[in-house]
Amino acid sequence: MPLNIAVIGLGRMGKRHVHTLLYRVPRAKVVAVCTTDPHEIEWAQHNPEYTEFGIAIYDDYDKLLSSQSNLQAVWVSTSTDVHAMQTLKAIEKGLHVLCEKPLSTDLTEAQSVVTAANAHPELKIMAGFSRRFDASYRDAAVKIQRGAIGTPFLVRSNTCDLKDTSGFFVRYASRNGGIFVDCAIHDIDLTLWYLDNPVPKACWAVGSLQAHPELAAAGDVDNAVGMVQFWGGKMAYFYCSRTQAHGHDVLTEITGTEGKVMVNVIPRANAVVLADKGGLRHEVQAEYWQRFEEAFAVEANEFVDAVLGDRRVPVSLETGLVVMKIGRALQDALLSGEVVRFDEGGERLN
């Protein structure tokens, strides 16, 4: 029997998750969607695909949870500021949850999700860190685990988005927790994965506004650099940008005592190279979906398999909480200009 799932949120990500679950996850069945946006409701109601698959459309999350008696899991794909609340309500209803990163904009809320999940070990509650499901990043992990670069001690990673002319990032800024919490979250997660879950010791950051001065009102920037020092001598460097002219540029480089492994150093849309009087050049993906569409499908299948097969989810909530602690510390360091420090147990000192 398939796993009955409701997708919460019908923004760009939610719509894409619905499409992935419909066509690329054979053991899943989308039974409902929910959004509070009237335009998204209207779009869904007039989408023949949703009618064809018998997907119920809700404008109230509580009503969905109380009405769908056959519901087994929810995929939370809304704005970050409501991730925790919606996940907690699903847990209370006895539902499995895949919650998109990050768990919350607030650490206390994020901790409450982990606590609730631990109180219900029968439920599969997973943090959605999609890059862990990308073939290239997984291959890098295998090489590191096999000792190809010796002992890894440094990660250099960036998430750089195509310059946004639609105003989306500015509108979303007040709800996403800031550039490090929203934009660097995958880089932080990859760092924990590749460096074998080191404990943070200190975080500091700088940033500037290069294209979106409106972000100042939300206490945010459109370009930022963050540094993390871990206990034991390991380090990480993160660059986040909302203003790249060439496309979606994500790079991760892991240096070890015997070499280094690099992923996506030169981003490419495909294997085509154009040669003309201007030289040699290739195109770059415009946004994250083109780069990670396959990873999202793998993530969805592995979550569904974990639920139906009663296996551990691929990414634990505890990992999501540590990622949040570091992301929040970098954001606070950016705003304060001060170094944020942690004790050897990973708890903040200031």
C-alpha atoms as a PDB file:
ATOM      1  CA  MET A   1       0.000   0.000   0.000  1.00  0.00           C
ATOM      2  CA  PRO A   2       1.257   3.524  -0.766  1.00  0.00           C
ATOM      3  CA  LEU A   3       1.967   6.136   1.892  1.00  0.00           C
ATOM      4  CA  ASN A   4      -0.767   8.788   1.974  1.00  0.00           C
ATOM      5  CA  ILE A   5       0.890  12.212   2.126  1.00  0.00           C
ATOM      6  CA  ALA A   6      -0.327  15.803   2.351  1.00  0.00           C
ATOM      7  CA  VAL A   7       1.934  18.570   1.078  1.00  0.00           C
ATOM      8  CA  ILE A   8       1.702  21.736   3.168  1.00  0.00           C
ATOM      9  CA  GLY A   9       2.486  24.892   1.197  1.00  0.00           C
ATOM     10  CA  LEU A  10       1.996  25.465  -2.515  1.00  0.00           C
ATOM     11  CA  GLY A  11       4.740  27.952  -3.238  1.00  0.00           C
ATOM     12  CA  ARG A  12       7.447  27.078  -5.718  1.00  0.00           C
ATOM     13  CA  MET A  13       8.825  24.284  -3.541  1.00  0.00           C
ATOM     14  CA  GLY A  14       5.453  22.837  -2.549  1.00  0.00           C
ATOM     15  CA  LYS A  15       4.245  22.581  -6.148  1.00  0.00           C
ATOM     16  CA  ARG A  16       7.457  20.865  -7.143  1.00  0.00           C
ATOM     17  CA  HIS A  17       7.243  18.407  -4.262  1.00  0.00           C
ATOM     18  CA  VAL A  18       3.692  17.491  -5.281  1.00  0.00           C
ATOM     19  CA  HIS A  19       4.847  16.866  -8.852  1.00  0.00           C
ATOM     20  CA  THR A  20       7.782  14.757  -7.661  1.00  0.00           C
ATOM     21  CA  LEU A  21       5.607  12.667  -5.351  1.00  0.00           C
ATOM     22  CA  LEU A  22       3.026  12.103  -8.112  1.00  0.00           C
ATOM     23  CA  TYR A  23       5.414  10.983 -10.815  1.00  0.00           C
ATOM     24  CA  ARG A  24       8.685   9.879  -9.230  1.00  0.00           C
ATOM     25  CA  VAL A  25       7.759   8.213  -5.941  1.00  0.00           C
ATOM     26  CA  PRO A  26       5.765   5.058  -6.725  1.00  0.00           C
ATOM     27  CA  ARG A  27       5.141   4.177  -3.073  1.00  0.00           C
ATOM     28  CA  ALA A  28       3.593   7.574  -2.250  1.00  0.00           C
ATOM     29  CA  LYS A  29       0.110   8.954  -2.834  1.00  0.00           C
ATOM     30  CA  VAL A  30      -0.660  12.672  -2.513  1.00  0.00           C
ATOM     31  CA  VAL A  31      -4.113  12.836  -0.942  1.00  0.00           C
ATOM     32  CA  ALA A  32      -4.212  16.525   0.004  1.00  0.00           C
ATOM     33  CA  VAL A  33      -2.500  19.899  -0.234  1.00  0.00           C
ATOM     34  CA  CYS A  34      -2.870  22.976   1.919  1.00  0.00           C
ATOM     35  CA  THR A  35      -2.096  26.665   1.491  1.00  0.00           C
ATOM     36  CA  THR A  36      -3.472  29.895   2.960  1.00  0.00           C
ATOM     37  CA  ASP A  37      -2.641  31.880  -0.180  1.00  0.00           C
ATOM     38  CA  PRO A  38      -5.855  32.588  -2.195  1.00  0.00           C
ATOM     39  CA  HIS A  39      -3.942  32.680  -5.491  1.00  0.00           C
ATOM     40  CA  GLU A  40      -2.392  29.282  -4.806  1.00  0.00           C
ATOM     41  CA  ILE A  41      -5.801  27.877  -3.839  1.00  0.00           C
ATOM     42  CA  GLU A  42      -7.284  29.127  -7.112  1.00  0.00           C
ATOM     43  CA  TRP A  43      -4.330  27.741  -9.079  1.00  0.00           C
ATOM     44  CA  ALA A  44      -4.745  24.306  -7.489  1.00  0.00           C
ATOM     45  CA  GLN A  45      -8.500  24.242  -8.005  1.00  0.00           C
ATOM     46  CA  HIS A  46      -8.035  24.846 -11.725  1.00  0.00           C
ATOM     47  CA  ASN A  47      -5.143  22.428 -12.107  1.00  0.00           C
ATOM     48  CA  PRO A  48      -6.456  19.351 -13.980  1.00  0.00           C
ATOM     49  CA  GLU A  49      -3.580  17.312 -12.583  1.00  0.00           C
ATOM     50  CA  TYR A  50      -4.874  17.754  -9.038  1.00  0.00           C
ATOM     51  CA  THR A  51      -8.386  16.792 -10.139  1.00  0.00           C
ATOM     52  CA  GLU A  52      -7.125  13.755 -12.028  1.00  0.00           C
ATOM     53  CA  PHE A  53      -5.299  12.423  -8.967  1.00  0.00           C
ATOM     54  CA  GLY A  54      -8.162  13.267  -6.602  1.00  0.00           C
ATOM     55  CA  ILE A  55      -6.097  15.619  -4.451  1.00  0.00           C
ATOM     56  CA  ALA A  56      -8.128  17.454  -1.799  1.00  0.00           C
ATOM     57  CA  ILE A  57      -7.339  21.177  -1.468  1.00  0.00           C
ATOM     58  CA  TYR A  58      -7.444  22.940   1.892  1.00  0.00           C
ATOM     59  CA  ASP A  59      -6.965  26.532   2.994  1.00  0.00           C
ATOM     60  CA  ASP A  60      -6.787  25.593   6.686  1.00  0.00           C
ATOM     61  CA  TYR A  61      -4.108  23.279   8.099  1.00  0.00           C
ATOM     62  CA  ASP A  62      -6.087  22.278  11.200  1.00  0.00           C
ATOM     63  CA  LYS A  63      -9.075  21.359   9.028  1.00  0.00           C
ATOM     64  CA  LEU A  64      -6.880  19.195   6.830  1.00  0.00           C
ATOM     65  CA  LEU A  65      -5.483  17.347   9.848  1.00  0.00           C
ATOM     66  CA  SER A  66      -8.954  16.699  11.272  1.00  0.00           C
ATOM     67  CA  SER A  67     -10.651  15.827   7.966  1.00  0.00           C
ATOM     68  CA  GLN A  68      -8.189  13.453   6.311  1.00  0.00           C
ATOM     69  CA  SER A  69      -8.765  10.230   8.222  1.00  0.00           C
ATOM     70  CA  ASN A  70      -6.543   8.235   5.854  1.00  0.00           C
ATOM     71  CA  LEU A  71      -3.613  10.630   6.134  1.00  0.00           C
ATOM     72  CA  GLN A  72      -0.296   9.073   7.220  1.00  0.00           C
ATOM     73  CA  ALA A  73       2.354  11.758   6.628  1.00  0.00           C
ATOM     74  CA  VAL A  74       2.830  15.438   5.875  1.00  0.00           C
ATOM     75  CA  TRP A  75       5.533  17.194   3.903  1.00  0.00           C
ATOM     76  CA  VAL A  76       6.013  20.664   5.398  1.00  0.00           C
ATOM     77  CA  SER A  77       7.081  23.064   2.652  1.00  0.00           C
ATOM     78  CA  THR A  78       5.919  26.435   3.948  1.00  0.00           C
ATOM     79  CA  SER A  79       7.832  29.500   5.111  1.00  0.00           C
ATOM     80  CA  THR A  80      10.442  28.794   7.790  1.00  0.00           C
ATOM     81  CA  ASP A  81       8.620  30.682  10.534  1.00  0.00           C
ATOM     82  CA  VAL A  82       5.780  28.114  10.648  1.00  0.00           C
ATOM     83  CA  HIS A  83       7.804  24.897  10.128  1.00  0.00           C
ATOM     84  CA  ALA A  84       7.948  24.049  13.833  1.00  0.00           C
ATOM     85  CA  MET A  85       4.274  24.748  14.543  1.00  0.00           C
ATOM     86  CA  GLN A  86       3.071  22.660  11.618  1.00  0.00           C
ATOM     87  CA  THR A  87       5.435  19.795  12.429  1.00  0.00           C
ATOM     88  CA  LEU A  88       4.345  19.744  16.069  1.00  0.00           C
ATOM     89  CA  LYS A  89       0.658  19.626  15.109  1.00  0.00           C
ATOM     90  CA  ALA A  90       1.333  16.715  12.760  1.00  0.00           C
ATOM     91  CA  ILE A  91       3.182  14.823  15.507  1.00  0.00           C
ATOM     92  CA  GLU A  92       0.241  15.393  17.859  1.00  0.00           C
ATOM     93  CA  LYS A  93      -1.979  13.746  15.231  1.00  0.00           C
ATOM     94  CA  GLY A  94       0.319  10.739  15.016  1.00  0.00           C
ATOM     95  CA  LEU A  95       1.638  11.576  11.547  1.00  0.00           C
ATOM     96  CA  HIS A  96       5.072  11.074  10.020  1.00  0.00           C
ATOM     97  CA  VAL A  97       6.736  14.317   8.895  1.00  0.00           C
ATOM     98  CA  LEU A  98       9.347  15.482   6.438  1.00  0.00           C
ATOM     99  CA  CYS A  99      10.038  19.095   7.364  1.00  0.00           C
ATOM    100  CA  GLU A 100      11.984  21.254   4.938  1.00  0.00           C
ATOM    101  CA  LYS A 101      15.083  22.925   6.295  1.00  0.00           C
ATOM    102  CA  PRO A 102      15.480  24.616   8.673  1.00  0.00           C
ATOM    103  CA  LEU A 103      13.261  23.389  11.501  1.00  0.00           C
ATOM    104  CA  SER A 104      12.484  26.947  12.619  1.00  0.00           C
ATOM    105  CA  THR A 105      13.841  30.470  12.757  1.00  0.00           C
ATOM    106  CA  ASP A 106      13.980  30.077  16.535  1.00  0.00           C
ATOM    107  CA  LEU A 107      16.216  27.624  18.426  1.00  0.00           C
ATOM    108  CA  THR A 108      13.739  27.051  21.254  1.00  0.00           C
ATOM    109  CA  GLU A 109      11.064  26.105  18.735  1.00  0.00           C
ATOM    110  CA  ALA A 110      13.487  23.832  16.908  1.00  0.00           C
ATOM    111  CA  GLN A 111      14.345  22.086  20.182  1.00  0.00           C
ATOM    112  CA  SER A 112      10.633  21.565  20.892  1.00  0.00           C
ATOM    113  CA  VAL A 113      10.303  19.692  17.588  1.00  0.00           C
ATOM    114  CA  VAL A 114      13.213  17.399  18.481  1.00  0.00           C
ATOM    115  CA  THR A 115      11.771  16.804  21.949  1.00  0.00           C
ATOM    116  CA  ALA A 116       8.326  15.960  20.559  1.00  0.00           C
ATOM    117  CA  ALA A 117       9.799  13.622  17.952  1.00  0.00           C
ATOM    118  CA  ASN A 118      11.869  11.797  20.577  1.00  0.00           C
ATOM    119  CA  ALA A 119       8.711  11.305  22.626  1.00  0.00           C
ATOM    120  CA  HIS A 120       7.154   9.494  19.644  1.00  0.00           C
ATOM    121  CA  PRO A 121       9.766   7.034  18.367  1.00  0.00           C
ATOM    122  CA  GLU A 122       7.035   5.234  16.406  1.00  0.00           C
ATOM    123  CA  LEU A 123       6.898   8.233  14.049  1.00  0.00           C
ATOM    124  CA  LYS A 124       9.442   9.052  11.354  1.00  0.00           C
ATOM    125  CA  ILE A 125      10.290  12.753  11.628  1.00  0.00           C
ATOM    126  CA  MET A 126      12.956  13.909   9.185  1.00  0.00           C
ATOM    127  CA  ALA A 127      14.783  17.155   8.456  1.00  0.00           C
ATOM    128  CA  GLY A 128      14.887  17.897   4.735  1.00  0.00           C
ATOM    129  CA  PHE A 129      18.533  18.418   3.785  1.00  0.00           C
ATOM    130  CA  SER A 130      18.347  17.588   0.105  1.00  0.00           C
ATOM    131  CA  ARG A 131      22.035  17.858  -0.788  1.00  0.00           C
ATOM    132  CA  ARG A 132      22.741  14.684   1.177  1.00  0.00           C
ATOM    133  CA  PHE A 133      20.753  12.869  -1.513  1.00  0.00           C
ATOM    134  CA  ASP A 134      22.661  14.292  -4.486  1.00  0.00           C
ATOM    135  CA  ALA A 135      24.824  11.710  -6.298  1.00  0.00           C
ATOM    136  CA  SER A 136      27.922  13.932  -6.401  1.00  0.00           C
ATOM    137  CA  TYR A 137      27.795  14.874  -2.729  1.00  0.00           C
ATOM    138  CA  ARG A 138      27.240  11.239  -1.802  1.00  0.00           C
ATOM    139  CA  ASP A 139      30.196  10.176  -3.911  1.00  0.00           C
ATOM    140  CA  ALA A 140      32.339  12.763  -2.128  1.00  0.00           C
ATOM    141  CA  ALA A 141      31.212  11.325   1.218  1.00  0.00           C
ATOM    142  CA  VAL A 142      32.146   7.798   0.140  1.00  0.00           C
ATOM    143  CA  LYS A 143      35.614   8.946  -0.948  1.00  0.00           C
ATOM    144  CA  ILE A 144      36.160  10.734   2.368  1.00  0.00           C
ATOM    145  CA  GLN A 145      34.956   7.742   4.394  1.00  0.00           C
ATOM    146  CA  ARG A 146      37.351   5.504   2.471  1.00  0.00           C
ATOM    147  CA  GLY A 147      40.269   7.737   3.424  1.00  0.00           C
ATOM    148  CA  ALA A 148      40.923   9.220  -0.016  1.00  0.00           C
ATOM    149  CA  ILE A 149      41.967  12.581   1.454  1.00  0.00           C
ATOM    150  CA  GLY A 150      43.252  11.437   4.820  1.00  0.00           C
ATOM    151  CA  THR A 151      41.582  13.155   7.762  1.00  0.00           C
ATOM    152  CA  PRO A 152      39.278  15.966   6.607  1.00  0.00           C
ATOM    153  CA  PHE A 153      39.698  19.201   8.570  1.00  0.00           C
ATOM    154  CA  LEU A 154      38.433  22.077   6.382  1.00  0.00           C
ATOM    155  CA  VAL A 155      35.255  22.719   4.393  1.00  0.00           C
ATOM    156  CA  ARG A 156      34.870  25.636   2.002  1.00  0.00           C
ATOM    157  CA  SER A 157      31.317  25.858   0.753  1.00  0.00           C
ATOM    158  CA  ASN A 158      29.042  28.399  -0.866  1.00  0.00           C
ATOM    159  CA  THR A 159      25.421  28.814  -1.864  1.00  0.00           C
ATOM    160  CA  CYS A 160      25.058  31.623  -4.360  1.00  0.00           C
ATOM    161  CA  ASP A 161      21.707  32.343  -5.979  1.00  0.00           C
ATOM    162  CA  LEU A 162      20.996  34.015  -9.286  1.00  0.00           C
ATOM    163  CA  LYS A 163      20.264  37.716  -8.800  1.00  0.00           C
ATOM    164  CA  ASP A 164      16.562  38.011  -8.077  1.00  0.00           C
ATOM    165  CA  THR A 165      14.663  40.665  -9.990  1.00  0.00           C
ATOM    166  CA  SER A 166      11.198  39.498  -8.901  1.00  0.00           C
ATOM    167  CA  GLY A 167      11.450  40.764  -5.323  1.00  0.00           C
ATOM    168  CA  PHE A 168      10.869  37.285  -3.872  1.00  0.00           C
ATOM    169  CA  PHE A 169      13.859  37.259  -1.513  1.00  0.00           C
ATOM    170  CA  VAL A 170      13.031  40.713  -0.177  1.00  0.00           C
ATOM    171  CA  ARG A 171       9.429  39.721   0.528  1.00  0.00           C
ATOM    172  CA  TYR A 172      10.520  36.476   2.175  1.00  0.00           C
ATOM    173  CA  ALA A 173      13.351  37.992   4.241  1.00  0.00           C
ATOM    174  CA  SER A 174      11.280  38.681   7.343  1.00  0.00           C
ATOM    175  CA  ARG A 175      10.195  35.026   7.518  1.00  0.00           C
ATOM    176  CA  ASN A 176      13.331  33.033   6.661  1.00  0.00           C
ATOM    177  CA  GLY A 177      15.573  33.719   9.654  1.00  0.00           C
ATOM    178  CA  GLY A 178      18.313  35.563   7.748  1.00  0.00           C
ATOM    179  CA  ILE A 179      20.853  34.715   5.085  1.00  0.00           C
ATOM    180  CA  PHE A 180      22.852  32.190   7.134  1.00  0.00           C
ATOM    181  CA  VAL A 181      19.791  30.401   8.532  1.00  0.00           C
ATOM    182  CA  ASP A 182      18.158  30.242   5.106  1.00  0.00           C
ATOM    183  CA  CYS A 183      20.949  30.254   2.530  1.00  0.00           C
ATOM    184  CA  ALA A 184      23.930  28.579   4.278  1.00  0.00           C
ATOM    185  CA  ILE A 185      21.924  25.858   5.968  1.00  0.00           C
ATOM    186  CA  HIS A 186      22.872  23.164   3.436  1.00  0.00           C
ATOM    187  CA  ASP A 187      26.543  24.154   3.567  1.00  0.00           C
ATOM    188  CA  ILE A 188      26.506  23.805   7.349  1.00  0.00           C
ATOM    189  CA  ASP A 189      24.815  20.427   7.117  1.00  0.00           C
ATOM    190  CA  LEU A 190      27.367  19.177   4.576  1.00  0.00           C
ATOM    191  CA  THR A 191      30.157  20.351   6.873  1.00  0.00           C
ATOM    192  CA  LEU A 192      28.814  18.304   9.781  1.00  0.00           C
ATOM    193  CA  TRP A 193      28.497  15.299   7.466  1.00  0.00           C
ATOM    194  CA  TYR A 194      31.953  15.514   5.932  1.00  0.00           C
ATOM    195  CA  LEU A 195      33.814  16.438   9.134  1.00  0.00           C
ATOM    196  CA  ASP A 196      32.107  13.686  11.169  1.00  0.00           C
ATOM    197  CA  ASN A 197      29.857  15.876  13.331  1.00  0.00           C
ATOM    198  CA  PRO A 198      32.391  18.222  14.960  1.00  0.00           C
ATOM    199  CA  VAL A 199      31.308  20.418  17.871  1.00  0.00           C
ATOM    200  CA  PRO A 200      31.294  24.183  17.143  1.00  0.00           C
ATOM    201  CA  LYS A 201      33.680  26.355  19.158  1.00  0.00           C
ATOM    202  CA  ALA A 202      33.301  29.842  17.650  1.00  0.00           C
ATOM    203  CA  CYS A 203      31.441  31.606  14.820  1.00  0.00           C
ATOM    204  CA  TRP A 204      32.019  35.012  13.222  1.00  0.00           C
ATOM    205  CA  ALA A 205      30.668  36.671  10.100  1.00  0.00           C
ATOM    206  CA  VAL A 206      30.567  39.776   7.920  1.00  0.00           C
ATOM    207  CA  GLY A 207      28.137  40.867   5.218  1.00  0.00           C
ATOM    208  CA  SER A 208      27.023  43.659   2.935  1.00  0.00           C
ATOM    209  CA  LEU A 209      24.191  44.851   0.726  1.00  0.00           C
ATOM    210  CA  GLN A 210      25.106  44.900  -2.958  1.00  0.00           C
ATOM    211  CA  ALA A 211      21.752  44.772  -4.758  1.00  0.00           C
ATOM    212  CA  HIS A 212      18.870  44.699  -2.275  1.00  0.00           C
ATOM    213  CA  PRO A 213      19.131  47.661   0.153  1.00  0.00           C
ATOM    214  CA  GLU A 214      15.541  46.909   1.210  1.00  0.00           C
ATOM    215  CA  LEU A 215      16.873  43.925   3.183  1.00  0.00           C
ATOM    216  CA  ALA A 216      18.314  46.317   5.754  1.00  0.00           C
ATOM    217  CA  ALA A 217      14.819  46.783   7.175  1.00  0.00           C
ATOM    218  CA  ALA A 218      14.740  43.059   7.983  1.00  0.00           C
ATOM    219  CA  GLY A 219      18.233  43.141   9.494  1.00  0.00           C
ATOM    220  CA  ASP A 220      19.621  41.075   6.658  1.00  0.00           C
ATOM    221  CA  VAL A 221      22.196  41.287   3.849  1.00  0.00           C
ATOM    222  CA  ASP A 222      22.438  39.883   0.330  1.00  0.00           C
ATOM    223  CA  ASN A 223      26.099  38.791   0.537  1.00  0.00           C
ATOM    224  CA  ALA A 224      27.815  37.309   3.580  1.00  0.00           C
ATOM    225  CA  VAL A 225      30.865  35.328   4.630  1.00  0.00           C
ATOM    226  CA  GLY A 226      30.900  33.197   7.771  1.00  0.00           C
ATOM    227  CA  MET A 227      33.649  31.257   9.556  1.00  0.00           C
ATOM    228  CA  VAL A 228      33.225  28.399  12.004  1.00  0.00           C
ATOM    229  CA  GLN A 229      35.942  27.026  14.261  1.00  0.00           C
ATOM    230  CA  PHE A 230      35.271  23.588  15.721  1.00  0.00           C
ATOM    231  CA  TRP A 231      36.716  21.976  18.819  1.00  0.00           C
ATOM    232  CA  GLY A 232      39.602  19.754  17.775  1.00  0.00           C
ATOM    233  CA  GLY A 233      41.004  22.038  15.081  1.00  0.00           C
ATOM    234  CA  LYS A 234      38.519  21.638  12.227  1.00  0.00           C
ATOM    235  CA  MET A 235      37.235  24.682  10.324  1.00  0.00           C
ATOM    236  CA  ALA A 236      34.618  25.839   7.824  1.00  0.00           C
ATOM    237  CA  TYR A 237      34.174  28.841   5.539  1.00  0.00           C
ATOM    238  CA  PHE A 238      30.795  29.772   4.030  1.00  0.00           C
ATOM    239  CA  TYR A 239      29.918  32.315   1.350  1.00  0.00           C
ATOM    240  CA  CYS A 240      26.254  33.169   0.742  1.00  0.00           C
ATOM    241  CA  SER A 241      24.987  35.396  -2.048  1.00  0.00           C
ATOM    242  CA  ARG A 242      21.669  36.467  -3.538  1.00  0.00           C
ATOM    243  CA  THR A 243      23.244  38.446  -6.364  1.00  0.00           C
ATOM    244  CA  GLN A 244      25.111  36.167  -8.780  1.00  0.00           C
ATOM    245  CA  ALA A 245      24.861  37.260 -12.407  1.00  0.00           C
ATOM    246  CA  HIS A 246      25.652  33.870 -13.967  1.00  0.00           C
ATOM    247  CA  GLY A 247      23.239  31.499 -12.196  1.00  0.00           C
ATOM    248  CA  HIS A 248      22.891  29.180  -9.225  1.00  0.00           C
ATOM    249  CA  ASP A 249      26.427  28.509  -8.016  1.00  0.00           C
ATOM    250  CA  VAL A 250      26.943  25.909  -5.284  1.00  0.00           C
ATOM    251  CA  LEU A 251      30.433  24.661  -4.492  1.00  0.00           C
ATOM    252  CA  THR A 252      31.798  22.483  -1.721  1.00  0.00           C
ATOM    253  CA  GLU A 253      35.479  21.702  -1.215  1.00  0.00           C
ATOM    254  CA  ILE A 254      36.724  19.401   1.557  1.00  0.00           C
ATOM    255  CA  THR A 255      40.427  19.483   2.421  1.00  0.00           C
ATOM    256  CA  GLY A 256      42.122  16.681   4.316  1.00  0.00           C
ATOM    257  CA  THR A 257      45.598  15.768   5.467  1.00  0.00           C
ATOM    258  CA  GLU A 258      46.249  13.820   2.233  1.00  0.00           C
ATOM    259  CA  GLY A 259      44.345  15.803  -0.398  1.00  0.00           C
ATOM    260  CA  LYS A 260      40.981  17.353  -1.120  1.00  0.00           C
ATOM    261  CA  VAL A 261      37.722  16.542  -2.886  1.00  0.00           C
ATOM    262  CA  MET A 262      35.682  19.165  -4.739  1.00  0.00           C
ATOM    263  CA  VAL A 263      32.035  19.166  -5.801  1.00  0.00           C
ATOM    264  CA  ASN A 264      30.653  21.465  -8.510  1.00  0.00           C
ATOM    265  CA  VAL A 265      33.685  23.765  -8.635  1.00  0.00           C
ATOM    266  CA  ILE A 266      32.527  25.060 -12.022  1.00  0.00           C
ATOM    267  CA  PRO A 267      28.709  24.847 -12.168  1.00  0.00           C
ATOM    268  CA  ARG A 268      27.275  23.636 -15.469  1.00  0.00           C
ATOM    269  CA  ALA A 269      23.732  23.253 -16.770  1.00  0.00           C
ATOM    270  CA  ASN A 270      24.845  20.367 -18.997  1.00  0.00           C
ATOM    271  CA  ALA A 271      27.814  19.118 -21.038  1.00  0.00           C
ATOM    272  CA  VAL A 272      27.357  21.628 -23.879  1.00  0.00           C
ATOM    273  CA  VAL A 273      30.141  24.123 -24.570  1.00  0.00           C
ATOM    274  CA  LEU A 274      29.659  26.924 -27.103  1.00  0.00           C
ATOM    275  CA  ALA A 275      32.733  27.989 -29.052  1.00  0.00           C
ATOM    276  CA  ASP A 276      32.609  31.199 -31.073  1.00  0.00           C
ATOM    277  CA  LYS A 277      34.519  34.436 -31.488  1.00  0.00           C
ATOM    278  CA  GLY A 278      33.810  35.222 -27.855  1.00  0.00           C
ATOM    279  CA  GLY A 279      35.697  32.113 -26.722  1.00  0.00           C
ATOM    280  CA  LEU A 280      34.488  28.964 -24.987  1.00  0.00           C
ATOM    281  CA  ARG A 281      31.538  29.085 -22.582  1.00  0.00           C
ATOM    282  CA  HIS A 282      28.730  27.042 -21.087  1.00  0.00           C
ATOM    283  CA  GLU A 283      25.441  27.770 -19.310  1.00  0.00           C
ATOM    284  CA  VAL A 284      24.711  27.479 -15.568  1.00  0.00           C
ATOM    285  CA  GLN A 285      21.491  26.374 -13.882  1.00  0.00           C
ATOM    286  CA  ALA A 286      19.251  29.318 -13.072  1.00  0.00           C
ATOM    287  CA  GLU A 287      18.193  28.049  -9.647  1.00  0.00           C
ATOM    288  CA  TYR A 288      18.519  25.224  -7.134  1.00  0.00           C
ATOM    289  CA  TRP A 289      15.723  23.065  -8.600  1.00  0.00           C
ATOM    290  CA  GLN A 290      17.527  22.439 -11.876  1.00  0.00           C
ATOM    291  CA  ARG A 291      20.652  21.479  -9.921  1.00  0.00           C
ATOM    292  CA  PHE A 292      18.986  19.298  -7.275  1.00  0.00           C
ATOM    293  CA  GLU A 293      15.761  17.979  -8.823  1.00  0.00           C
ATOM    294  CA  GLU A 294      17.089  14.426  -8.816  1.00  0.00           C
ATOM    295  CA  ALA A 295      18.236  14.762  -5.201  1.00  0.00           C
ATOM    296  CA  PHE A 296      14.751  15.832  -4.112  1.00  0.00           C
ATOM    297  CA  ALA A 297      13.283  12.720  -5.776  1.00  0.00           C
ATOM    298  CA  VAL A 298      15.809  10.456  -4.029  1.00  0.00           C
ATOM    299  CA  GLU A 299      15.053  12.193  -0.725  1.00  0.00           C
ATOM    300  CA  ALA A 300      11.314  11.638  -1.148  1.00  0.00           C
ATOM    301  CA  ASN A 301      11.739   7.962  -2.008  1.00  0.00           C
ATOM    302  CA  GLU A 302      14.060   7.319   0.934  1.00  0.00           C
ATOM    303  CA  PHE A 303      11.700   9.056   3.372  1.00  0.00           C
ATOM    304  CA  VAL A 304       8.733   7.027   2.121  1.00  0.00           C
ATOM    305  CA  ASP A 305      10.772   3.809   2.264  1.00  0.00           C
ATOM    306  CA  ALA A 306      11.820   4.610   5.849  1.00  0.00           C
ATOM    307  CA  VAL A 307       8.183   5.019   6.885  1.00  0.00           C
ATOM    308  CA  LEU A 308       6.819   1.965   5.078  1.00  0.00           C
ATOM    309  CA  GLY A 309       9.806  -0.194   6.009  1.00  0.00           C
ATOM    310  CA  ASP A 310       9.982   1.088   9.603  1.00  0.00           C
ATOM    311  CA  ARG A 311      13.632   2.107   9.215  1.00  0.00           C
ATOM    312  CA  ARG A 312      15.571   5.084  10.548  1.00  0.00           C
ATOM    313  CA  VAL A 313      15.192   8.229   8.473  1.00  0.00           C
ATOM    314  CA  PRO A 314      18.321   9.203   6.506  1.00  0.00           C
ATOM    315  CA  VAL A 315      18.767  12.555   8.280  1.00  0.00           C
ATOM    316  CA  SER A 316      18.051  12.916  11.988  1.00  0.00           C
ATOM    317  CA  LEU A 317      16.330  15.883  13.604  1.00  0.00           C
ATOM    318  CA  GLU A 318      19.261  16.217  16.002  1.00  0.00           C
ATOM    319  CA  THR A 319      21.453  17.036  13.003  1.00  0.00           C
ATOM    320  CA  GLY A 320      18.948  19.678  11.972  1.00  0.00           C
ATOM    321  CA  LEU A 321      19.141  21.201  15.449  1.00  0.00           C
ATOM    322  CA  VAL A 322      22.958  21.484  15.397  1.00  0.00           C
ATOM    323  CA  VAL A 323      22.776  23.021  11.934  1.00  0.00           C
ATOM    324  CA  MET A 324      20.290  25.548  13.323  1.00  0.00           C
ATOM    325  CA  LYS A 325      22.575  26.396  16.252  1.00  0.00           C
ATOM    326  CA  ILE A 326      25.451  27.188  13.909  1.00  0.00           C
ATOM    327  CA  GLY A 327      23.274  29.071  11.418  1.00  0.00           C
ATOM    328  CA  ARG A 328      21.732  31.162  14.186  1.00  0.00           C
ATOM    329  CA  ALA A 329      25.164  31.860  15.683  1.00  0.00           C
ATOM    330  CA  LEU A 330      26.488  33.050  12.318  1.00  0.00           C
ATOM    331  CA  GLN A 331      23.456  35.298  11.842  1.00  0.00           C
ATOM    332  CA  ASP A 332      23.877  36.757  15.327  1.00  0.00           C
ATOM    333  CA  ALA A 333      27.605  37.280  14.708  1.00  0.00           C
ATOM    334  CA  LEU A 334      26.776  39.064  11.461  1.00  0.00           C
ATOM    335  CA  LEU A 335      24.392  41.465  13.185  1.00  0.00           C
ATOM    336  CA  SER A 336      26.472  42.059  16.313  1.00  0.00           C
ATOM    337  CA  GLY A 337      29.980  42.083  14.880  1.00  0.00           C
ATOM    338  CA  GLU A 338      30.987  39.850  17.796  1.00  0.00           C
ATOM    339  CA  VAL A 339      32.351  36.313  17.912  1.00  0.00           C
ATOM    340  CA  VAL A 340      29.785  33.786  19.151  1.00  0.00           C
ATOM    341  CA  ARG A 341      31.401  31.077  21.260  1.00  0.00           C
ATOM    342  CA  PHE A 342      30.379  27.572  22.343  1.00  0.00           C
ATOM    343  CA  ASP A 343      31.556  25.293  25.146  1.00  0.00           C
ATOM    344  CA  GLU A 344      32.943  21.823  24.458  1.00  0.00           C
ATOM    345  CA  GLY A 345      29.433  20.387  24.679  1.00  0.00           C
ATOM    346  CA  GLY A 346      28.255  22.640  21.846  1.00  0.00           C
ATOM    347  CA  GLU A 347      26.207  25.018  24.001  1.00  0.00           C
ATOM    348  CA  ARG A 348      26.440  28.770  23.428  1.00  0.00           C
ATOM    349  CA  LEU A 349      28.386  30.768  25.986  1.00  0.00           C
ATOM    350  CA  ASN A 350      27.172  34.266  25.038  1.00  0.00           C
END
